[in-house]
Amino acid sequence: MDVLATPWSDGGPGPWILFFPLFWAVVVIGVITLLRRTVWRGRGPWQGPGGAADGAHAGPSPLSVLGRRFASGEIDEDEYWRRLSVLEEQFGARGKRKRGAE
């Protein structure tokens, strides 16, 4: 060991000793980055593309429930459009739908 360290610092460990803390710093930063991009955001490799685990969804989307209720006749056209506008305000419009002539 003295043969390797002698040219740098007269028998000390030499500048290569700095590579160990730098190596572990890179490892820790890499692990934290990996966790932030996957598990902590709810997108682990065992989960579906939507972010939640299979079967963990609360149910169908509000827009699909509204469409189903309108199609089955539970609500009329005016109530459908009124509720659709509220849902679009809350969740963001995915494409403006124009209301037909009444």
Protein backbone atom coordinates (compact mmCIF):
# COMPACT_ATOMS: atom_id res chain seq x y z
CA MET A 1 0.00 0.00 0.00
CA ASP A 2 2.91 2.37 0.69
CA VAL A 3 4.10 1.96 -2.88
CA LEU A 4 0.79 3.25 -4.29
CA ALA A 5 0.42 6.17 -1.89
CA THR A 6 3.98 7.47 -1.81
CA PRO A 7 4.01 9.55 -5.03
CA TRP A 8 1.01 11.64 -3.94
CA SER A 9 1.39 12.49 -0.28
CA ASP A 10 4.47 10.93 1.27
CA GLY A 11 2.82 7.75 2.55
CA GLY A 12 -0.73 9.06 3.09
CA PRO A 13 -3.82 7.71 1.40
CA GLY A 14 -3.51 10.08 -1.55
CA PRO A 15 -6.21 11.91 -3.51
CA TRP A 16 -7.97 8.67 -4.50
CA ILE A 17 -9.50 8.66 -1.00
CA LEU A 18 -11.95 11.32 -2.27
CA PHE A 19 -13.48 8.89 -4.74
CA PHE A 20 -15.16 6.83 -2.01
CA PRO A 21 -17.37 9.65 -0.64
CA LEU A 22 -18.09 10.86 -4.16
CA PHE A 23 -19.05 7.36 -5.23
CA TRP A 24 -21.47 6.98 -2.30
CA ALA A 25 -22.91 10.44 -2.89
CA VAL A 26 -23.67 9.47 -6.49
CA VAL A 27 -25.25 6.20 -5.32
CA VAL A 28 -27.47 7.96 -2.75
CA ILE A 29 -28.54 10.66 -5.21
CA GLY A 30 -29.30 7.98 -7.80
CA VAL A 31 -31.46 5.98 -5.38
CA ILE A 32 -33.37 9.08 -4.27
CA THR A 33 -33.94 10.09 -7.89
CA LEU A 34 -35.18 6.62 -8.76
CA LEU A 35 -37.56 6.58 -5.80
CA ARG A 36 -38.91 10.04 -6.61
CA ARG A 37 -39.58 9.09 -10.21
CA THR A 38 -41.31 5.78 -9.46
CA VAL A 39 -42.49 4.74 -6.02
CA TRP A 40 -43.03 8.08 -4.32
CA ARG A 41 -45.20 9.26 -7.23
CA GLY A 42 -47.20 6.05 -7.21
CA ARG A 43 -45.80 4.61 -10.45
CA GLY A 44 -43.85 1.59 -9.38
CA PRO A 45 -43.10 -1.23 -11.80
CA TRP A 46 -45.86 -3.32 -10.24
CA GLN A 47 -48.51 -0.68 -10.91
CA GLY A 48 -50.49 0.14 -14.00
CA PRO A 49 -49.88 3.12 -16.28
CA GLY A 50 -52.47 5.24 -14.48
CA GLY A 51 -50.41 5.25 -11.31
CA ALA A 52 -52.67 3.16 -9.11
CA ALA A 53 -52.30 -0.54 -8.48
CA ASP A 54 -54.63 -2.88 -10.33
CA GLY A 55 -58.05 -2.90 -8.72
CA ALA A 56 -57.32 0.20 -6.65
CA HIS A 57 -59.38 2.52 -8.83
CA ALA A 58 -62.38 4.05 -7.12
CA GLY A 59 -64.56 3.22 -10.12
CA PRO A 60 -65.42 4.59 -13.52
CA SER A 61 -64.63 8.19 -14.37
CA PRO A 62 -67.24 10.87 -13.64
CA LEU A 63 -67.62 11.61 -17.35
CA SER A 64 -68.38 7.98 -18.16
CA VAL A 65 -70.92 7.78 -15.33
CA LEU A 66 -72.59 10.94 -16.62
CA GLY A 67 -72.72 9.56 -20.15
CA ARG A 68 -74.14 6.26 -18.93
CA ARG A 69 -76.84 8.03 -16.91
CA PHE A 70 -77.79 10.17 -19.91
CA ALA A 71 -77.88 7.17 -22.22
CA SER A 72 -80.08 5.19 -19.84
CA GLY A 73 -82.53 8.09 -19.47
CA GLU A 74 -81.90 8.85 -15.79
CA ILE A 75 -81.15 12.49 -16.61
CA ASP A 76 -82.39 14.72 -19.41
CA GLU A 77 -80.32 16.66 -21.94
CA ASP A 78 -80.33 19.96 -20.02
CA GLU A 79 -79.09 18.32 -16.85
CA TYR A 80 -76.48 16.39 -18.84
CA TRP A 81 -75.03 19.59 -20.34
CA ARG A 82 -75.18 21.41 -17.01
CA ARG A 83 -73.30 18.65 -15.21
CA LEU A 84 -70.86 18.23 -18.09
CA SER A 85 -69.92 21.92 -17.89
CA VAL A 86 -69.28 21.57 -14.15
CA LEU A 87 -67.09 18.51 -14.70
CA GLU A 88 -65.15 20.25 -17.46
CA GLU A 89 -64.52 23.22 -15.18
CA GLN A 90 -63.33 20.94 -12.41
CA PHE A 91 -61.24 18.48 -14.44
CA GLY A 92 -60.37 20.65 -17.43
CA ALA A 93 -61.94 20.62 -20.84
CA ARG A 94 -60.62 17.86 -23.08
CA GLY A 95 -62.18 19.35 -26.15
CA LYS A 96 -64.96 21.83 -26.37
CA ARG A 97 -68.28 20.28 -27.19
CA LYS A 98 -70.83 22.51 -28.82
CA ARG A 99 -74.36 22.35 -27.58
CA GLY A 100 -76.90 21.58 -30.29
CA ALA A 101 -79.81 23.83 -31.17
CA GLU A 102 -82.75 23.39 -28.85
